[in-house]
Amino acid sequence: YSKISHQKAVVSTQSTGITGITGKYGTRYGASLRKMIKKIEISQHSKYTCMFCGKDTMKRTVVGIWYCNACRKTVAGGAYSVSTTAAATVRSAIRRLREMQDV
């Protein structure tokens, strides 16, 4: 009769170094794709300034939905950032058309 001892494997956490948030992908998918994903993941996980209260508490909840923890406002925005370039163009066009109507 032999007694088998079960030992837990010790997993050490490694520093990702220069790869940053995309270190979880290792050497897979190619350097160019990992660089693109790094930019996207950093922008989607960062906090943005709330346009209502001015605090840096706007965070992404799901794709395109942004929530401010300070004033508890929910805003529809871009997938990876609160505002997109297309939305900024539309806002400026609407503002210009309103000013033309007033004059």
N, C-alpha and C. Protein backbone atom coordinates (compact mmCIF):
# COMPACT_ATOMS: atom_id res chain seq x y z
N TYR A 1 0.85 -1.18 0.00
CA TYR A 1 0.00 0.00 0.00
C TYR A 1 0.89 1.23 0.00
N SER A 2 0.78 2.07 -1.02
CA SER A 2 1.60 3.28 -1.08
C SER A 2 0.71 4.51 -0.98
N LYS A 3 1.21 5.46 -0.28
CA LYS A 3 0.45 6.69 -0.06
C LYS A 3 0.91 7.74 -1.08
N ILE A 4 0.00 8.25 -1.89
CA ILE A 4 0.32 9.25 -2.90
C ILE A 4 0.00 10.62 -2.33
N SER A 5 0.99 11.49 -2.32
CA SER A 5 0.75 12.84 -1.81
C SER A 5 0.41 13.76 -2.98
N HIS A 6 -0.64 14.52 -2.82
CA HIS A 6 -1.07 15.46 -3.85
C HIS A 6 -0.53 16.83 -3.49
N GLN A 7 0.33 17.35 -4.35
CA GLN A 7 0.90 18.67 -4.12
C GLN A 7 0.31 19.66 -5.10
N LYS A 8 0.06 20.85 -4.62
CA LYS A 8 -0.45 21.89 -5.48
C LYS A 8 0.70 22.54 -6.23
N ALA A 9 0.51 22.79 -7.49
CA ALA A 9 1.53 23.45 -8.29
C ALA A 9 1.55 24.94 -7.95
N VAL A 10 2.71 25.46 -7.71
CA VAL A 10 2.85 26.88 -7.39
C VAL A 10 3.02 27.65 -8.69
N VAL A 11 2.06 28.52 -8.97
CA VAL A 11 2.10 29.31 -10.19
C VAL A 11 2.52 30.72 -9.80
N SER A 12 3.63 31.17 -10.35
CA SER A 12 4.08 32.53 -10.05
C SER A 12 3.55 33.48 -11.12
N THR A 13 3.16 34.67 -10.68
CA THR A 13 2.69 35.66 -11.63
C THR A 13 3.88 36.35 -12.25
N GLN A 14 3.85 36.47 -13.55
CA GLN A 14 4.97 37.08 -14.26
C GLN A 14 4.61 38.50 -14.65
N SER A 15 5.60 39.36 -14.66
CA SER A 15 5.41 40.73 -15.10
C SER A 15 5.32 40.74 -16.62
N THR A 16 4.38 41.49 -17.17
CA THR A 16 4.21 41.51 -18.62
C THR A 16 5.23 42.40 -19.31
N GLY A 17 5.88 43.30 -18.54
CA GLY A 17 6.92 44.14 -19.13
C GLY A 17 6.39 45.08 -20.17
N ILE A 18 6.99 45.09 -21.34
CA ILE A 18 6.65 46.05 -22.39
C ILE A 18 5.33 45.71 -23.08
N THR A 19 4.90 44.45 -22.99
CA THR A 19 3.67 44.07 -23.68
C THR A 19 2.43 44.65 -23.02
N GLY A 20 2.49 44.90 -21.71
CA GLY A 20 1.38 45.53 -21.02
C GLY A 20 0.16 44.63 -20.92
N ILE A 21 -0.99 45.19 -21.26
CA ILE A 21 -2.27 44.50 -21.10
C ILE A 21 -2.40 43.31 -22.04
N THR A 22 -1.65 43.30 -23.15
CA THR A 22 -1.75 42.21 -24.11
C THR A 22 -0.77 41.08 -23.80
N GLY A 23 -0.11 41.13 -22.64
CA GLY A 23 0.78 40.05 -22.26
C GLY A 23 0.06 38.73 -22.10
N LYS A 24 -1.24 38.79 -21.87
CA LYS A 24 -2.03 37.56 -21.71
C LYS A 24 -2.11 36.74 -22.99
N TYR A 25 -1.82 37.37 -24.15
CA TYR A 25 -1.88 36.65 -25.42
C TYR A 25 -0.57 35.95 -25.75
N GLY A 26 0.50 36.25 -24.99
CA GLY A 26 1.78 35.59 -25.22
C GLY A 26 2.34 35.92 -26.60
N THR A 27 2.79 34.90 -27.31
CA THR A 27 3.36 35.12 -28.65
C THR A 27 2.33 34.88 -29.75
N ARG A 28 1.09 34.69 -29.39
CA ARG A 28 0.06 34.39 -30.38
C ARG A 28 -0.43 35.64 -31.11
N TYR A 29 -0.98 35.48 -32.28
CA TYR A 29 -1.70 36.46 -33.08
C TYR A 29 -0.83 37.50 -33.78
N GLY A 30 0.45 37.55 -33.56
CA GLY A 30 1.32 38.48 -34.27
C GLY A 30 1.44 39.82 -33.56
N ALA A 31 2.60 40.48 -33.76
CA ALA A 31 2.90 41.72 -33.05
C ALA A 31 1.99 42.86 -33.46
N SER A 32 1.67 42.96 -34.75
CA SER A 32 0.85 44.08 -35.23
C SER A 32 -0.56 44.03 -34.64
N LEU A 33 -1.15 42.85 -34.62
CA LEU A 33 -2.49 42.71 -34.06
C LEU A 33 -2.49 42.96 -32.56
N ARG A 34 -1.44 42.50 -31.88
CA ARG A 34 -1.36 42.74 -30.43
C ARG A 34 -1.22 44.23 -30.13
N LYS A 35 -0.50 44.97 -30.98
CA LYS A 35 -0.36 46.42 -30.78
C LYS A 35 -1.71 47.12 -30.96
N MET A 36 -2.48 46.69 -31.96
CA MET A 36 -3.80 47.29 -32.18
C MET A 36 -4.72 47.00 -31.00
N ILE A 37 -4.71 45.77 -30.54
CA ILE A 37 -5.55 45.37 -29.41
C ILE A 37 -5.13 46.09 -28.14
N LYS A 38 -3.83 46.33 -27.97
CA LYS A 38 -3.35 47.03 -26.79
C LYS A 38 -3.94 48.42 -26.71
N LYS A 39 -3.95 49.13 -27.85
CA LYS A 39 -4.52 50.48 -27.87
C LYS A 39 -6.01 50.45 -27.54
N ILE A 40 -6.72 49.49 -28.11
CA ILE A 40 -8.16 49.38 -27.88
C ILE A 40 -8.45 49.03 -26.42
N GLU A 41 -7.74 48.06 -25.87
CA GLU A 41 -8.02 47.62 -24.50
C GLU A 41 -7.67 48.69 -23.48
N ILE A 42 -6.61 49.45 -23.73
CA ILE A 42 -6.26 50.53 -22.81
C ILE A 42 -7.35 51.59 -22.82
N SER A 43 -7.85 51.94 -24.02
CA SER A 43 -8.88 52.98 -24.10
C SER A 43 -10.20 52.52 -23.51
N GLN A 44 -10.54 51.25 -23.65
CA GLN A 44 -11.84 50.80 -23.13
C GLN A 44 -11.82 50.60 -21.62
N HIS A 45 -10.66 50.36 -21.03
CA HIS A 45 -10.60 50.15 -19.58
C HIS A 45 -10.27 51.41 -18.80
N SER A 46 -9.93 52.50 -19.49
CA SER A 46 -9.57 53.71 -18.77
C SER A 46 -10.82 54.50 -18.37
N LYS A 47 -10.63 55.41 -17.43
CA LYS A 47 -11.74 56.26 -16.98
C LYS A 47 -11.73 57.55 -17.79
N TYR A 48 -12.91 58.06 -18.09
CA TYR A 48 -13.06 59.27 -18.88
C TYR A 48 -13.75 60.35 -18.05
N THR A 49 -13.63 61.59 -18.49
CA THR A 49 -14.26 62.70 -17.81
C THR A 49 -15.74 62.74 -18.16
N CYS A 50 -16.57 62.83 -17.13
CA CYS A 50 -18.02 62.90 -17.33
C CYS A 50 -18.38 64.28 -17.88
N MET A 51 -19.22 64.31 -18.89
CA MET A 51 -19.62 65.58 -19.51
C MET A 51 -20.67 66.32 -18.69
N PHE A 52 -21.24 65.65 -17.67
CA PHE A 52 -22.26 66.28 -16.84
C PHE A 52 -21.67 66.86 -15.55
N CYS A 53 -20.85 66.06 -14.85
CA CYS A 53 -20.32 66.53 -13.57
C CYS A 53 -18.84 66.92 -13.63
N GLY A 54 -18.14 66.56 -14.68
CA GLY A 54 -16.74 66.95 -14.84
C GLY A 54 -15.73 66.09 -14.11
N LYS A 55 -16.16 65.00 -13.48
CA LYS A 55 -15.24 64.13 -12.76
C LYS A 55 -14.75 62.99 -13.66
N ASP A 56 -13.59 62.44 -13.34
CA ASP A 56 -13.02 61.33 -14.11
C ASP A 56 -13.56 60.00 -13.61
N THR A 57 -14.87 59.79 -13.74
CA THR A 57 -15.48 58.57 -13.22
C THR A 57 -16.33 57.85 -14.27
N MET A 58 -16.23 58.25 -15.52
CA MET A 58 -17.00 57.60 -16.59
C MET A 58 -16.31 56.30 -16.99
N LYS A 59 -16.99 55.18 -16.78
CA LYS A 59 -16.44 53.88 -17.12
C LYS A 59 -17.38 53.11 -18.02
N ARG A 60 -16.82 52.22 -18.83
CA ARG A 60 -17.62 51.42 -19.74
C ARG A 60 -18.25 50.25 -18.99
N THR A 61 -19.56 50.06 -19.17
CA THR A 61 -20.23 48.90 -18.56
C THR A 61 -20.31 47.76 -19.56
N VAL A 62 -20.87 48.02 -20.73
CA VAL A 62 -20.90 47.06 -21.83
C VAL A 62 -20.56 47.84 -23.10
N VAL A 63 -20.59 47.17 -24.24
CA VAL A 63 -20.19 47.81 -25.50
C VAL A 63 -21.11 49.00 -25.80
N GLY A 64 -20.52 50.20 -25.84
CA GLY A 64 -21.27 51.39 -26.20
C GLY A 64 -22.04 52.05 -25.08
N ILE A 65 -22.03 51.49 -23.88
CA ILE A 65 -22.75 52.07 -22.74
C ILE A 65 -21.72 52.51 -21.70
N TRP A 66 -21.76 53.80 -21.33
CA TRP A 66 -20.82 54.39 -20.39
C TRP A 66 -21.59 54.92 -19.19
N TYR A 67 -21.05 54.68 -17.99
CA TYR A 67 -21.75 55.02 -16.75
C TYR A 67 -20.83 55.85 -15.86
N CYS A 68 -21.36 56.95 -15.31
CA CYS A 68 -20.62 57.80 -14.39
C CYS A 68 -21.00 57.40 -12.96
N ASN A 69 -20.00 57.01 -12.17
CA ASN A 69 -20.26 56.61 -10.79
C ASN A 69 -20.57 57.80 -9.90
N ALA A 70 -20.11 58.99 -10.27
CA ALA A 70 -20.31 60.17 -9.42
C ALA A 70 -21.74 60.69 -9.53
N CYS A 71 -22.19 60.97 -10.75
CA CYS A 71 -23.54 61.54 -10.92
C CYS A 71 -24.57 60.51 -11.37
N ARG A 72 -24.14 59.27 -11.56
CA ARG A 72 -25.01 58.14 -11.92
C ARG A 72 -25.77 58.35 -13.22
N LYS A 73 -25.10 58.97 -14.19
CA LYS A 73 -25.69 59.14 -15.52
C LYS A 73 -25.18 58.03 -16.42
N THR A 74 -26.04 57.56 -17.31
CA THR A 74 -25.67 56.56 -18.30
C THR A 74 -25.73 57.20 -19.67
N VAL A 75 -24.68 56.99 -20.46
CA VAL A 75 -24.56 57.64 -21.76
C VAL A 75 -24.25 56.58 -22.81
N ALA A 76 -24.86 56.71 -23.98
CA ALA A 76 -24.50 55.86 -25.11
C ALA A 76 -23.35 56.53 -25.85
N GLY A 77 -22.30 55.77 -26.11
CA GLY A 77 -21.14 56.32 -26.78
C GLY A 77 -20.53 55.30 -27.72
N GLY A 78 -19.23 55.43 -27.91
CA GLY A 78 -18.53 54.49 -28.78
C GLY A 78 -18.25 53.18 -28.07
N ALA A 79 -17.77 52.22 -28.82
CA ALA A 79 -17.49 50.90 -28.26
C ALA A 79 -16.29 50.93 -27.33
N TYR A 80 -15.26 51.72 -27.69
CA TYR A 80 -14.02 51.71 -26.91
C TYR A 80 -13.73 53.04 -26.24
N SER A 81 -14.43 54.11 -26.61
CA SER A 81 -14.27 55.41 -25.95
C SER A 81 -15.63 56.08 -25.87
N VAL A 82 -15.74 57.08 -24.99
CA VAL A 82 -17.04 57.71 -24.75
C VAL A 82 -17.55 58.40 -26.01
N SER A 83 -16.68 59.11 -26.68
CA SER A 83 -17.09 59.84 -27.88
C SER A 83 -16.27 59.38 -29.08
N THR A 84 -16.91 59.28 -30.22
CA THR A 84 -16.21 58.89 -31.44
C THR A 84 -16.02 60.11 -32.33
N THR A 85 -15.16 59.98 -33.32
CA THR A 85 -14.93 61.11 -34.24
C THR A 85 -16.18 61.41 -35.06
N ALA A 86 -16.93 60.37 -35.41
CA ALA A 86 -18.16 60.57 -36.17
C ALA A 86 -19.19 61.33 -35.34
N ALA A 87 -19.27 61.02 -34.06
CA ALA A 87 -20.22 61.71 -33.18
C ALA A 87 -19.83 63.18 -33.01
N ALA A 88 -18.53 63.46 -32.92
CA ALA A 88 -18.07 64.83 -32.80
C ALA A 88 -18.40 65.63 -34.06
N THR A 89 -18.27 65.02 -35.22
CA THR A 89 -18.61 65.67 -36.49
C THR A 89 -20.09 65.99 -36.56
N VAL A 90 -20.92 65.05 -36.15
CA VAL A 90 -22.36 65.26 -36.17
C VAL A 90 -22.77 66.37 -35.20
N ARG A 91 -22.16 66.37 -33.99
CA ARG A 91 -22.47 67.42 -33.03
C ARG A 91 -22.13 68.81 -33.56
N SER A 92 -20.96 68.93 -34.20
CA SER A 92 -20.57 70.24 -34.73
C SER A 92 -21.47 70.66 -35.88
N ALA A 93 -21.90 69.70 -36.72
CA ALA A 93 -22.81 70.03 -37.82
C ALA A 93 -24.17 70.48 -37.29
N ILE A 94 -24.68 69.80 -36.26
CA ILE A 94 -25.97 70.18 -35.67
C ILE A 94 -25.87 71.57 -35.04
N ARG A 95 -24.77 71.85 -34.33
CA ARG A 95 -24.57 73.16 -33.71
C ARG A 95 -24.52 74.26 -34.78
N ARG A 96 -23.83 73.99 -35.88
CA ARG A 96 -23.73 74.97 -36.97
C ARG A 96 -25.09 75.24 -37.60
N LEU A 97 -25.88 74.18 -37.80
CA LEU A 97 -27.20 74.34 -38.40
C LEU A 97 -28.14 75.10 -37.46
N ARG A 98 -28.03 74.87 -36.14
CA ARG A 98 -28.85 75.61 -35.19
C ARG A 98 -28.50 77.08 -35.19
N GLU A 99 -27.21 77.38 -35.27
CA GLU A 99 -26.80 78.79 -35.30
C GLU A 99 -27.28 79.47 -36.57
N MET A 100 -27.33 78.75 -37.68
CA MET A 100 -27.83 79.32 -38.92
C MET A 100 -29.32 79.58 -38.84
N GLN A 101 -30.07 78.73 -38.13
CA GLN A 101 -31.51 78.93 -37.96
C GLN A 101 -31.80 80.14 -37.12
N ASP A 102 -31.01 80.35 -36.07
CA ASP A 102 -31.24 81.48 -35.17
C ASP A 102 -30.99 82.82 -35.85
N VAL A 103 -30.08 82.85 -36.79
CA VAL A 103 -29.71 84.13 -37.44
C VAL A 103 -30.70 84.52 -38.48
